[in-house]
Amino acid sequence: MATGYDPADPLAKGTFATAKQGWKDLFIWKQRVVVTNDFGEEHTEWQAPAPLKNPISLFAQLNAKDWTYFLVGFSAWAADAFDFHALSIQTTKLAKYYHRTNTDITTAITLTLLLRSVGAAIFGLAGDKFGRKWPMVMNMIVLGLLQIATIYSATFQQFLAVRSLFGLFMGGVYGNAIAMALENCPVNARGLMSGILQQGYSFGYVLAACVNLGVGGSTNSWKTVFWVGAGLSIGIGFVRACFPESKQFIEARKAGKRAKAPDVFWQETKKMLRQEWRMCIYCIILMTWFNYYSHTSQDSYTTFMLTQKALPSAGATRASILMKTGACVGGTIIGYLSQWFGRRRTIICAAIISACLIPAWILPTTEGGLSASGFMIQFFVQGAWGVIPIHLNELSPPAFRSSFPGVTYQLGNMISSPSAQIVNAIAESHSVKSSNGKPASAYGPVMGVATAIIALGIAVTTALGPEKRGRHFETVGPPVAEVVAKDIEEGRVSYEKAETRATETVDEETGSTDRDTEKK
C-alpha cells in the first residue's frame, strides 16, 4: 500500500449520502480520489489540483494524430450545430414561406430534439461496439442529404417529417465526436480541449449566422443556408472516412477478439445500467437543465431582437454573431479553468454569474447594447457548457464512453425539446411595448425569467453531484463485453466466472487511476 498520502473517507454509497458528500467536498480545495495500485489495492485520498499550465504547452502535448482526431470531432460537432441552427435563426423566414406562425415553425425544433435521443442511443452503442469511425461517417452524410430533403419539402407536413428524421441522425454525432476527440488527449489538457470542443456548437451557430447575413433577408434565401449546411456535413463525412479508427477502440480490439455471440455486448450494456443507474439519472437531469439553459437563452434571441427591439434583419444577425462569439471565447477560457478550479465549482460560478447578467441582457434597445450584453451572457452560459464534454466523459463507465455521454446528453435534449415552443407560445400570448412604441410579443421577460430559473437549477444540481476530475482514460482496458467474450471463446473460464471478472473490471475502473486488463 502506498504511503505519504493524505487519506480521505471512502466514496459514499447511496443517493443522499453521495449528495451530502458532494456538497461538503465542494468547499474543500483538494479533491477526493480513489487510487488503485499495481496490486489491486484501493485507497481514497485527497489530491490537490495541479497548477494550470500554459495553454501553448498543453497544445504541444497533443501529437499530429491526436490533433487529427480532435479537429475532425470538432468539425463534425460544428457541422451538426450549423444544420440545427440553420432552422432556428431563420424562423421568421420559414414562417413566411410556409404561411405559419413562429410557434408552428418551432414545432420542427421540438421534433428534432425529441428524436435526437433515439439516434444517440443507436449510434452511441454502435460507436462502442463497432468503432467511432463508420457510425460518424454515416451520420454526417445522411445529415447532409436530409438538409437537401428539407429544401425540397413542398408542404409544412413534409417539412416536419424531414426534420424529425434529421433529429434521429443528428443525435448520433455528439457521443462519437467527443469520445473520439477527448479520449486521446493528455489528462491535464482535457479541460482546455473540452472547452474548445464544446464551442464547436457555438462555432456552427456563428457560421450559420454569417451565411444567413450573406444571403440577405428575402423569404426564399433560407434554402441557400441549408445548401451550405448540406455541403459541410457531407464533406466532413468523407473526410472522416479518410482517417483511421480511434486509438482507444483499436487497442480494445487488440486486447481481445470480437464476441461471436451478438448478445454479449447488450448483456453488458444492461449490466452497466443496473450498476450505474444513479449516475445515468443524475447526468440526464443535469443535461436537461443544460439543454433548457442553451435553447432558452439563444433559440429565440434573433426573433426577440427583430420583434421586441425592432432591429433590422442584418442588425439582428450581426448581434447574434457577436453573441455566439462570446460563447466560443467563454467556453474555451472557462473550460480551461475547470482543470484547476474543479468541474463543479466552475459550472456553478458560471451559472450564477449568467443569472446576474440577465437584466443587462434583455433591457438594451440598440444593436450595440444587445451585442455587448449578448456576448457577456453567452460567455458564461457556454462557459458552463465548456466543462460538460470532459465532465461527462469522466463520469462515464469506461467501456461506454461513446454511448453514455451521447445518450444522457440527448435524453436531456429530448426532455427539453419543447423549450423553443414554450418560449414562443408564452411570449406570443403576452404583449409588451417594443422599441418603436408598438405592441410586441414579450420575448424578453419570458427568456429572462426562464433563464434565471434554469441557472439556479444547474447550480443546485451540480452542487449535489459527483466529480471525477483527472480520471485516466488511457489505462482503460477493452470494453467489458470483449473481456467476457474472449474468455468464453477461448475456453479459459465459464460464462459465470467471466461475468464476475467483467464486473470486477467495471468496479476497478471507477477510480481516477485505472488498472488495465493485463494486470489482472
Protein backbone atom coordinates (compact mmCIF):
# COMPACT_ATOMS: atom_id res chain seq x y z
CA MET A 1 0.00 0.00 0.00
CA ALA A 2 1.29 3.43 -0.96
CA THR A 3 2.35 5.77 1.84
CA GLY A 4 2.75 9.51 2.17
CA TYR A 5 -0.73 10.39 1.00
CA ASP A 6 -3.47 12.48 2.62
CA PRO A 7 -6.16 9.88 3.49
CA ALA A 8 -9.84 10.60 2.91
CA ASP A 9 -13.08 8.82 3.75
CA PRO A 10 -14.22 6.35 1.05
CA LEU A 11 -16.72 7.44 -1.57
CA ALA A 12 -20.24 7.50 -0.15
CA LYS A 13 -22.81 4.88 -1.16
CA GLY A 14 -26.39 5.78 -1.98
CA THR A 15 -28.10 8.82 -3.44
CA PHE A 16 -28.46 11.04 -0.37
CA ALA A 17 -25.07 10.10 1.09
CA THR A 18 -23.40 10.92 -2.24
CA ALA A 19 -25.23 14.27 -2.44
CA LYS A 20 -24.20 15.15 1.11
CA GLN A 21 -20.57 14.21 0.45
CA GLY A 22 -20.60 16.10 -2.87
CA TRP A 23 -21.89 19.26 -1.16
CA LYS A 24 -19.18 19.13 1.53
CA ASP A 25 -16.42 18.39 -0.99
CA LEU A 26 -17.44 21.47 -2.97
CA PHE A 27 -15.91 23.64 -0.22
CA ILE A 28 -12.69 21.63 0.08
CA TRP A 29 -9.97 22.70 -2.33
CA LYS A 30 -8.47 19.24 -2.65
CA GLN A 31 -10.35 16.50 -4.48
CA ARG A 32 -11.38 13.11 -3.10
CA VAL A 33 -9.80 10.47 -5.39
CA VAL A 34 -9.88 6.65 -5.41
CA VAL A 35 -6.43 5.26 -6.27
CA THR A 36 -5.71 1.65 -7.26
CA ASN A 37 -2.12 0.44 -7.06
CA ASP A 38 -0.42 -2.27 -9.15
CA PHE A 39 -1.59 -4.98 -6.74
CA GLY A 40 -5.24 -4.05 -6.99
CA GLU A 41 -5.35 -2.42 -3.55
CA GLU A 42 -7.56 0.64 -3.35
CA HIS A 43 -7.48 3.63 -1.07
CA THR A 44 -9.13 7.05 -1.09
CA GLU A 45 -7.03 10.18 -0.70
CA TRP A 46 -7.14 13.95 -1.09
CA GLN A 47 -5.24 15.27 -4.08
CA ALA A 48 -4.52 18.94 -4.76
CA PRO A 49 -5.19 20.09 -8.34
CA ALA A 50 -2.11 20.64 -10.44
CA PRO A 51 -1.33 24.29 -11.29
CA LEU A 52 -2.64 25.50 -14.62
CA LYS A 53 -0.16 25.11 -17.42
CA ASN A 54 0.47 27.50 -20.27
CA PRO A 55 -2.15 26.71 -22.96
CA ILE A 56 0.59 26.60 -25.60
CA SER A 57 2.42 23.88 -23.68
CA LEU A 58 -0.85 21.95 -23.34
CA PHE A 59 -1.42 22.18 -27.08
CA ALA A 60 2.10 20.88 -27.62
CA GLN A 61 1.29 17.70 -25.68
CA LEU A 62 -1.03 16.58 -28.48
CA ASN A 63 0.74 14.90 -31.37
CA ALA A 64 -0.37 15.12 -35.01
CA LYS A 65 -2.67 12.11 -34.70
CA ASP A 66 -4.30 13.50 -31.53
CA TRP A 67 -4.93 16.80 -33.30
CA THR A 68 -6.43 14.99 -36.28
CA TYR A 69 -8.93 13.17 -34.07
CA PHE A 70 -9.74 16.37 -32.20
CA LEU A 71 -10.21 18.56 -35.27
CA VAL A 72 -12.42 16.00 -37.04
CA GLY A 73 -14.56 15.67 -33.89
CA PHE A 74 -14.76 19.46 -33.57
CA SER A 75 -15.72 19.85 -37.24
CA ALA A 76 -18.43 17.19 -37.01
CA TRP A 77 -19.92 18.87 -33.94
CA ALA A 78 -19.77 22.30 -35.64
CA ALA A 79 -21.47 20.99 -38.79
CA ASP A 80 -24.14 19.35 -36.61
CA ALA A 81 -24.77 22.73 -34.94
CA PHE A 82 -24.84 24.54 -38.30
CA ASP A 83 -27.51 22.16 -39.58
CA PHE A 84 -29.62 22.64 -36.46
CA HIS A 85 -29.32 26.44 -36.27
CA ALA A 86 -29.95 26.86 -39.98
CA LEU A 87 -33.57 26.49 -38.90
CA SER A 88 -33.62 28.33 -35.56
CA ILE A 89 -32.06 31.56 -36.88
CA GLN A 90 -34.43 31.60 -39.88
CA THR A 91 -37.70 31.00 -38.03
CA THR A 92 -39.24 34.22 -39.38
CA LYS A 93 -38.30 33.41 -43.00
CA LEU A 94 -39.69 29.88 -42.75
CA ALA A 95 -42.89 31.15 -41.14
CA LYS A 96 -43.46 33.43 -44.15
CA TYR A 97 -42.51 30.67 -46.62
CA TYR A 98 -44.97 28.12 -45.20
CA HIS A 99 -47.54 30.76 -44.12
CA ARG A 100 -47.34 29.67 -40.50
CA THR A 101 -46.65 31.33 -37.13
CA ASN A 102 -43.22 31.33 -35.48
CA THR A 103 -44.57 28.90 -32.87
CA ASP A 104 -45.65 26.49 -35.63
CA ILE A 105 -42.16 26.55 -37.14
CA THR A 106 -40.56 25.82 -33.76
CA THR A 107 -42.53 22.55 -33.77
CA ALA A 108 -39.78 21.32 -36.09
CA ILE A 109 -37.20 22.16 -33.42
CA THR A 110 -39.20 20.18 -30.86
CA LEU A 111 -39.43 17.12 -33.14
CA THR A 112 -35.71 17.31 -33.93
CA LEU A 113 -34.76 17.40 -30.24
CA LEU A 114 -37.22 14.64 -29.35
CA LEU A 115 -35.71 12.15 -31.78
CA ARG A 116 -32.09 13.05 -31.08
CA SER A 117 -32.12 10.79 -28.00
CA VAL A 118 -33.13 7.80 -30.15
CA GLY A 119 -30.29 8.49 -32.55
CA ALA A 120 -27.88 8.95 -29.65
CA ALA A 121 -28.76 5.52 -28.26
CA ILE A 122 -28.48 3.75 -31.63
CA PHE A 123 -25.29 5.36 -32.90
CA GLY A 124 -23.66 5.73 -29.48
CA LEU A 125 -23.93 1.99 -28.80
CA ALA A 126 -22.80 1.35 -32.38
CA GLY A 127 -19.77 3.53 -31.66
CA ASP A 128 -18.91 1.49 -28.56
CA LYS A 129 -19.37 -1.82 -30.39
CA PHE A 130 -18.17 -1.14 -33.94
CA GLY A 131 -15.91 1.90 -33.50
CA ARG A 132 -16.15 5.67 -33.70
CA LYS A 133 -15.41 5.94 -37.42
CA TRP A 134 -18.17 4.44 -39.57
CA PRO A 135 -21.16 5.42 -37.42
CA MET A 136 -19.94 9.02 -37.63
CA VAL A 137 -19.35 8.82 -41.39
CA MET A 138 -22.90 7.52 -41.89
CA ASN A 139 -24.32 10.20 -39.56
CA MET A 140 -22.70 13.11 -41.35
CA ILE A 141 -23.55 12.01 -44.89
CA VAL A 142 -27.20 11.29 -44.06
CA LEU A 143 -27.48 14.63 -42.23
CA GLY A 144 -26.36 16.40 -45.38
CA LEU A 145 -28.86 14.51 -47.50
CA LEU A 146 -31.66 15.40 -45.07
CA GLN A 147 -30.71 19.08 -45.31
CA ILE A 148 -31.26 18.78 -49.06
CA ALA A 149 -34.56 16.97 -48.47
CA THR A 150 -35.65 19.90 -46.26
CA ILE A 151 -35.08 22.30 -49.15
CA TYR A 152 -37.40 20.28 -51.38
CA SER A 153 -40.18 19.92 -48.78
CA ALA A 154 -43.18 21.35 -50.62
CA THR A 155 -45.61 21.35 -47.69
CA PHE A 156 -45.34 22.10 -43.99
CA GLN A 157 -46.16 18.47 -43.16
CA GLN A 158 -43.29 17.24 -45.36
CA PHE A 159 -41.03 19.79 -43.69
CA LEU A 160 -41.90 18.44 -40.22
CA ALA A 161 -41.41 14.81 -41.34
CA VAL A 162 -37.94 15.51 -42.77
CA ARG A 163 -36.85 17.44 -39.66
CA SER A 164 -37.97 14.52 -37.50
CA LEU A 165 -35.69 12.16 -39.47
CA PHE A 166 -32.99 14.80 -39.25
CA GLY A 167 -33.18 14.66 -35.45
CA LEU A 168 -32.74 10.88 -35.47
CA PHE A 169 -29.40 11.09 -37.29
CA MET A 170 -28.30 14.30 -35.63
CA GLY A 171 -28.44 12.57 -32.24
CA GLY A 172 -25.63 10.18 -33.11
CA VAL A 173 -22.97 12.84 -33.66
CA TYR A 174 -22.28 14.18 -30.17
CA GLY A 175 -21.26 11.00 -28.32
CA ASN A 176 -18.92 9.67 -31.01
CA ALA A 177 -17.46 13.12 -31.71
CA ILE A 178 -16.48 13.92 -28.11
CA ALA A 179 -15.29 10.37 -27.39
CA MET A 180 -13.03 10.40 -30.45
CA ALA A 181 -11.76 13.93 -29.74
CA LEU A 182 -11.14 13.74 -25.97
CA GLU A 183 -10.19 10.16 -25.13
CA ASN A 184 -6.85 10.66 -26.91
CA CYS A 185 -6.00 13.92 -25.10
CA PRO A 186 -3.45 14.04 -22.22
CA VAL A 187 -5.12 14.27 -18.81
CA ASN A 188 -4.05 17.81 -17.88
CA ALA A 189 -5.02 19.19 -21.32
CA ARG A 190 -8.57 17.89 -21.24
CA GLY A 191 -10.19 20.89 -19.55
CA LEU A 192 -8.85 23.24 -22.22
CA MET A 193 -9.64 20.89 -25.09
CA SER A 194 -13.12 20.18 -23.69
CA GLY A 195 -13.87 23.91 -23.64
CA ILE A 196 -12.71 24.29 -27.25
CA LEU A 197 -14.58 21.19 -28.40
CA GLN A 198 -17.91 22.20 -26.87
CA GLN A 199 -17.67 25.54 -28.68
CA GLY A 200 -17.91 23.68 -31.97
CA TYR A 201 -21.64 24.08 -31.28
CA SER A 202 -21.32 27.86 -30.94
CA PHE A 203 -18.94 27.99 -33.91
CA GLY A 204 -21.56 26.20 -36.01
CA TYR A 205 -24.10 28.82 -34.94
CA VAL A 206 -21.72 31.63 -35.92
CA LEU A 207 -21.15 30.06 -39.34
CA ALA A 208 -24.88 29.68 -39.90
CA ALA A 209 -25.50 33.29 -38.83
CA CYS A 210 -22.73 34.55 -41.13
CA VAL A 211 -24.18 32.65 -44.09
CA ASN A 212 -27.64 33.96 -43.20
CA LEU A 213 -26.25 37.50 -43.14
CA GLY A 214 -24.63 36.94 -46.52
CA VAL A 215 -27.76 35.67 -48.28
CA GLY A 216 -29.94 38.55 -47.11
CA GLY A 217 -33.43 38.72 -45.66
CA SER A 218 -35.59 37.58 -48.58
CA THR A 219 -38.02 34.77 -47.81
CA ASN A 220 -36.54 32.17 -50.19
CA SER A 221 -32.95 32.81 -49.08
CA TRP A 222 -33.33 30.21 -46.31
CA LYS A 223 -32.70 27.48 -48.90
CA THR A 224 -29.16 28.73 -49.60
CA VAL A 225 -28.24 28.38 -45.93
CA PHE A 226 -29.47 24.77 -45.99
CA TRP A 227 -27.43 24.03 -49.13
CA VAL A 228 -24.28 25.26 -47.37
CA GLY A 229 -25.08 23.08 -44.35
CA ALA A 230 -25.57 20.02 -46.57
CA GLY A 231 -22.18 20.56 -48.20
CA LEU A 232 -20.43 20.91 -44.82
CA SER A 233 -21.95 17.73 -43.36
CA ILE A 234 -21.30 15.53 -46.39
CA GLY A 235 -17.78 16.91 -46.77
CA ILE A 236 -16.87 16.16 -43.14
CA GLY A 237 -18.32 12.66 -43.52
CA PHE A 238 -15.97 11.95 -46.42
CA VAL A 239 -13.01 13.49 -44.54
CA ARG A 240 -13.70 11.26 -41.52
CA ALA A 241 -13.73 8.22 -43.83
CA CYS A 242 -10.13 9.00 -44.82
CA PHE A 243 -8.75 8.80 -41.26
CA PRO A 244 -8.21 5.70 -39.09
CA GLU A 245 -10.28 4.40 -36.21
CA SER A 246 -9.88 5.88 -32.72
CA LYS A 247 -6.76 4.68 -30.89
CA GLN A 248 -8.72 3.64 -27.81
CA PHE A 249 -11.05 1.43 -29.83
CA ILE A 250 -8.18 -0.16 -31.77
CA GLU A 251 -6.37 -1.02 -28.52
CA ALA A 252 -9.56 -2.52 -27.12
CA ARG A 253 -9.91 -4.78 -30.15
CA LYS A 254 -6.26 -5.88 -29.88
CA ALA A 255 -6.82 -6.90 -26.27
CA GLY A 256 -9.48 -9.45 -27.16
CA LYS A 257 -11.33 -10.93 -30.12
CA ARG A 258 -14.79 -9.78 -31.05
CA ALA A 259 -17.65 -11.62 -29.48
CA LYS A 260 -19.25 -14.18 -31.79
CA ALA A 261 -22.44 -14.08 -29.74
CA PRO A 262 -24.08 -10.76 -30.68
CA ASP A 263 -25.97 -10.52 -27.40
CA VAL A 264 -22.87 -10.26 -25.18
CA PHE A 265 -22.45 -6.52 -25.70
CA TRP A 266 -26.11 -5.86 -25.00
CA GLN A 267 -25.96 -8.01 -21.86
CA GLU A 268 -23.09 -5.87 -20.63
CA THR A 269 -24.98 -2.71 -21.54
CA LYS A 270 -27.89 -3.82 -19.35
CA LYS A 271 -25.44 -4.71 -16.58
CA MET A 272 -23.91 -1.24 -16.79
CA LEU A 273 -27.37 0.33 -16.49
CA ARG A 274 -28.12 -1.79 -13.40
CA GLN A 275 -24.85 -0.79 -11.76
CA GLU A 276 -24.76 2.85 -12.87
CA TRP A 277 -28.45 3.79 -12.89
CA ARG A 278 -27.97 6.55 -10.32
CA MET A 279 -25.20 8.11 -12.41
CA CYS A 280 -27.37 7.81 -15.53
CA ILE A 281 -30.32 9.55 -13.89
CA TYR A 282 -28.10 12.28 -12.44
CA CYS A 283 -26.46 13.02 -15.80
CA ILE A 284 -29.84 13.06 -17.58
CA ILE A 285 -31.18 15.59 -15.05
CA LEU A 286 -28.05 17.72 -15.42
CA MET A 287 -28.24 17.60 -19.21
CA THR A 288 -31.95 18.50 -19.11
CA TRP A 289 -31.12 21.67 -17.20
CA PHE A 290 -28.23 22.44 -19.54
CA ASN A 291 -30.25 21.96 -22.71
CA TYR A 292 -33.01 24.22 -21.41
CA TYR A 293 -30.24 26.69 -20.48
CA SER A 294 -28.85 26.74 -24.01
CA HIS A 295 -32.08 26.68 -26.04
CA THR A 296 -33.97 29.16 -23.86
CA SER A 297 -31.17 31.72 -23.98
CA GLN A 298 -30.40 31.52 -27.70
CA ASP A 299 -33.05 29.92 -29.97
CA SER A 300 -35.48 32.86 -29.83
CA TYR A 301 -32.90 35.62 -29.36
CA THR A 302 -32.88 36.66 -33.03
CA THR A 303 -36.69 36.72 -33.06
CA PHE A 304 -36.57 38.79 -29.83
CA MET A 305 -34.36 41.41 -31.48
CA LEU A 306 -36.47 41.52 -34.66
CA THR A 307 -39.82 41.90 -32.90
CA GLN A 308 -39.45 43.45 -29.44
CA LYS A 309 -36.32 45.53 -30.21
CA ALA A 310 -37.33 46.34 -33.82
CA LEU A 311 -33.84 45.75 -35.20
CA PRO A 312 -33.44 45.21 -38.96
CA SER A 313 -32.63 41.68 -40.12
CA ALA A 314 -28.95 42.48 -40.77
CA GLY A 315 -28.53 44.14 -37.35
CA ALA A 316 -30.15 41.23 -35.50
CA THR A 317 -27.92 38.77 -37.34
CA ARG A 318 -24.77 40.76 -36.53
CA ALA A 319 -25.75 40.86 -32.86
CA SER A 320 -26.35 37.07 -32.94
CA ILE A 321 -22.89 36.52 -34.41
CA LEU A 322 -21.25 38.58 -31.64
CA MET A 323 -23.37 36.77 -29.04
CA LYS A 324 -22.07 33.37 -30.13
CA THR A 325 -18.54 34.69 -30.50
CA GLY A 326 -18.76 35.37 -26.77
CA ALA A 327 -19.88 31.77 -26.34
CA CYS A 328 -16.81 30.48 -28.19
CA VAL A 329 -14.45 32.62 -26.09
CA GLY A 330 -16.17 31.86 -22.78
CA GLY A 331 -16.39 28.12 -23.36
CA THR A 332 -12.70 27.89 -24.15
CA ILE A 333 -11.49 30.02 -21.23
CA ILE A 334 -13.83 28.62 -18.58
CA GLY A 335 -13.34 25.02 -19.74
CA TYR A 336 -9.59 25.58 -19.37
CA LEU A 337 -10.01 27.00 -15.85
CA SER A 338 -12.03 23.95 -14.78
CA GLN A 339 -8.86 21.84 -14.91
CA TRP A 340 -7.61 23.79 -11.87
CA PHE A 341 -10.73 25.23 -10.25
CA GLY A 342 -12.74 21.99 -10.47
CA ARG A 343 -15.51 20.95 -12.84
CA ARG A 344 -18.42 21.54 -10.47
CA ARG A 345 -17.18 24.81 -8.94
CA THR A 346 -16.61 26.20 -12.42
CA ILE A 347 -20.10 25.27 -13.65
CA ILE A 348 -21.78 26.73 -10.54
CA CYS A 349 -19.93 30.05 -10.71
CA ALA A 350 -20.61 30.46 -14.45
CA ALA A 351 -24.33 29.72 -13.99
CA ILE A 352 -24.74 32.20 -11.12
CA ILE A 353 -22.89 34.98 -12.99
CA SER A 354 -25.06 34.42 -16.08
CA ALA A 355 -28.19 34.81 -13.94
CA CYS A 356 -26.88 38.13 -12.59
CA LEU A 357 -26.38 39.40 -16.16
CA ILE A 358 -30.00 38.81 -17.26
CA PRO A 359 -31.24 42.43 -16.76
CA ALA A 360 -28.33 43.77 -18.82
CA TRP A 361 -29.12 41.13 -21.45
CA ILE A 362 -32.77 41.97 -22.17
CA LEU A 363 -33.05 45.72 -21.41
CA PRO A 364 -30.82 47.39 -24.09
CA THR A 365 -32.56 48.77 -27.18
CA THR A 366 -29.68 49.38 -29.60
CA GLU A 367 -27.71 46.91 -31.72
CA GLY A 368 -24.51 47.78 -29.86
CA GLY A 369 -26.05 47.26 -26.43
CA LEU A 370 -27.70 43.99 -27.39
CA SER A 371 -24.47 42.74 -28.98
CA ALA A 372 -22.40 43.52 -25.88
CA SER A 373 -24.88 42.06 -23.39
CA GLY A 374 -25.45 39.00 -25.59
CA PHE A 375 -21.68 38.47 -25.78
CA MET A 376 -21.32 38.56 -21.99
CA ILE A 377 -24.23 36.31 -21.04
CA GLN A 378 -23.26 33.68 -23.62
CA PHE A 379 -19.66 33.92 -22.39
CA PHE A 380 -20.88 32.39 -19.12
CA VAL A 381 -23.74 30.21 -20.46
CA GLN A 382 -21.43 28.45 -22.88
CA GLY A 383 -18.61 28.77 -20.38
CA ALA A 384 -20.54 26.40 -18.14
CA TRP A 385 -21.20 24.23 -21.20
CA GLY A 386 -17.47 24.16 -21.97
CA VAL A 387 -16.91 21.93 -18.93
CA ILE A 388 -19.59 19.42 -19.94
CA PRO A 389 -17.82 17.23 -22.57
CA ILE A 390 -14.95 16.28 -20.27
CA HIS A 391 -17.18 16.18 -17.16
CA LEU A 392 -19.49 13.64 -18.84
CA ASN A 393 -16.54 11.63 -20.15
CA GLU A 394 -15.00 11.44 -16.67
CA LEU A 395 -18.32 10.32 -15.14
CA SER A 396 -18.91 7.70 -17.86
CA PRO A 397 -18.43 3.95 -17.27
CA PRO A 398 -15.13 3.21 -19.09
CA ALA A 399 -16.43 0.75 -21.70
CA PHE A 400 -19.32 3.05 -22.63
CA ARG A 401 -17.53 6.35 -23.20
CA SER A 402 -19.15 6.78 -26.62
CA SER A 403 -22.73 5.86 -25.74
CA PHE A 404 -23.03 7.21 -22.17
CA PRO A 405 -22.30 10.92 -22.87
CA GLY A 406 -24.32 10.87 -26.09
CA VAL A 407 -27.36 9.12 -24.61
CA THR A 408 -27.51 11.20 -21.41
CA TYR A 409 -26.97 14.42 -23.38
CA GLN A 410 -29.63 13.60 -25.95
CA LEU A 411 -32.15 12.38 -23.35
CA GLY A 412 -31.73 15.76 -21.69
CA ASN A 413 -32.28 17.27 -25.13
CA MET A 414 -35.45 15.22 -25.55
CA ILE A 415 -36.90 16.35 -22.22
CA SER A 416 -36.06 19.97 -23.02
CA SER A 417 -37.26 19.70 -26.63
CA PRO A 418 -40.36 21.91 -26.16
CA SER A 419 -38.21 24.81 -24.88
CA ALA A 420 -38.41 26.91 -28.07
CA GLN A 421 -42.13 26.24 -28.41
CA ILE A 422 -42.76 27.13 -24.76
CA VAL A 423 -40.85 30.42 -25.04
CA ASN A 424 -42.58 31.36 -28.30
CA ALA A 425 -46.05 30.37 -27.11
CA ILE A 426 -45.82 32.28 -23.81
CA ALA A 427 -44.19 35.28 -25.47
CA GLU A 428 -46.82 35.47 -28.23
CA SER A 429 -49.63 35.27 -25.66
CA HIS A 430 -48.33 38.35 -23.80
CA SER A 431 -47.55 41.80 -25.16
CA VAL A 432 -45.06 44.49 -24.23
CA LYS A 433 -44.25 47.82 -25.82
CA SER A 434 -41.46 47.43 -28.39
CA SER A 435 -38.65 49.90 -29.01
CA ASN A 436 -40.69 51.64 -31.71
CA GLY A 437 -43.67 52.05 -29.37
CA LYS A 438 -45.84 49.32 -30.92
CA PRO A 439 -47.14 46.20 -29.10
CA ALA A 440 -44.84 43.19 -29.49
CA SER A 441 -44.56 39.65 -28.17
CA ALA A 442 -42.94 39.52 -24.71
CA TYR A 443 -39.82 37.56 -25.64
CA GLY A 444 -37.50 39.49 -23.29
CA PRO A 445 -39.35 38.92 -19.99
CA VAL A 446 -40.10 35.27 -20.83
CA MET A 447 -36.49 34.47 -21.75
CA GLY A 448 -35.17 36.33 -18.71
CA VAL A 449 -37.37 34.60 -16.12
CA ALA A 450 -36.84 31.15 -17.68
CA THR A 451 -33.04 31.56 -17.85
CA ALA A 452 -32.87 32.68 -14.19
CA ILE A 453 -34.80 29.60 -13.01
CA ILE A 454 -32.67 27.28 -15.13
CA ALA A 455 -29.36 28.78 -13.98
CA LEU A 456 -30.40 28.24 -10.34
CA GLY A 457 -31.39 24.64 -11.15
CA ILE A 458 -28.00 23.97 -12.72
CA ALA A 459 -26.17 25.39 -9.71
CA VAL A 460 -28.12 23.25 -7.19
CA THR A 461 -27.93 20.03 -9.26
CA THR A 462 -24.21 20.41 -9.87
CA ALA A 463 -23.50 21.20 -6.21
CA LEU A 464 -25.12 17.90 -5.14
CA GLY A 465 -23.46 15.75 -7.81
CA PRO A 466 -20.20 13.80 -8.19
CA GLU A 467 -16.93 14.77 -9.86
CA LYS A 468 -14.08 12.63 -11.21
CA ARG A 469 -11.69 15.25 -12.49
CA GLY A 470 -8.36 13.84 -13.61
CA ARG A 471 -9.65 10.34 -14.29
CA HIS A 472 -7.28 8.37 -16.52
CA PHE A 473 -8.69 7.18 -19.86
CA GLU A 474 -5.51 5.83 -21.36
CA THR A 475 -5.20 2.88 -18.96
CA VAL A 476 -8.73 1.61 -19.52
CA GLY A 477 -8.80 -1.87 -20.99
CA PRO A 478 -11.18 -3.20 -23.64
CA PRO A 479 -14.94 -2.98 -23.30
CA VAL A 480 -16.28 -5.39 -20.71
CA ALA A 481 -18.16 -7.36 -23.35
CA GLU A 482 -14.92 -8.14 -25.15
CA VAL A 483 -13.23 -9.40 -21.97
CA VAL A 484 -16.15 -11.76 -21.35
CA ALA A 485 -16.34 -12.87 -24.97
CA LYS A 486 -12.62 -13.63 -25.18
CA ASP A 487 -12.64 -15.72 -22.01
CA ILE A 488 -15.66 -17.73 -23.13
CA GLU A 489 -14.45 -18.10 -26.69
CA GLU A 490 -11.02 -19.41 -25.72
CA GLY A 491 -12.47 -21.76 -23.09
CA ARG A 492 -10.38 -20.41 -20.22
CA VAL A 493 -13.31 -19.75 -17.90
CA SER A 494 -17.01 -20.44 -17.70
CA TYR A 495 -19.50 -17.72 -18.54
CA GLU A 496 -20.29 -17.19 -14.85
CA LYS A 497 -16.62 -16.75 -13.97
CA ALA A 498 -16.00 -14.44 -16.90
CA GLU A 499 -19.03 -12.42 -15.91
CA THR A 500 -17.62 -11.99 -12.41
CA ARG A 501 -14.30 -10.92 -13.86
CA ALA A 502 -16.03 -8.37 -16.10
CA THR A 503 -17.87 -6.94 -13.12
CA GLU A 504 -14.57 -6.56 -11.27
CA THR A 505 -13.20 -4.70 -14.27
CA VAL A 506 -16.02 -2.19 -14.13
CA ASP A 507 -15.65 -1.71 -10.38
CA GLU A 508 -11.92 -1.16 -10.57
CA GLU A 509 -12.26 1.37 -13.32
CA THR A 510 -14.32 3.80 -11.29
CA GLY A 511 -11.23 5.36 -9.68
CA SER A 512 -9.00 8.07 -11.04
CA THR A 513 -6.20 5.62 -11.82
CA ASP A 514 -7.45 2.53 -13.67
CA ARG A 515 -5.73 -0.84 -13.96
CA ASP A 516 -5.57 -2.37 -17.38
CA THR A 517 -6.87 -5.84 -18.11
CA GLU A 518 -3.44 -7.46 -18.39
CA LYS A 519 -2.60 -6.72 -14.74
CA LYS A 520 -5.44 -8.97 -13.67
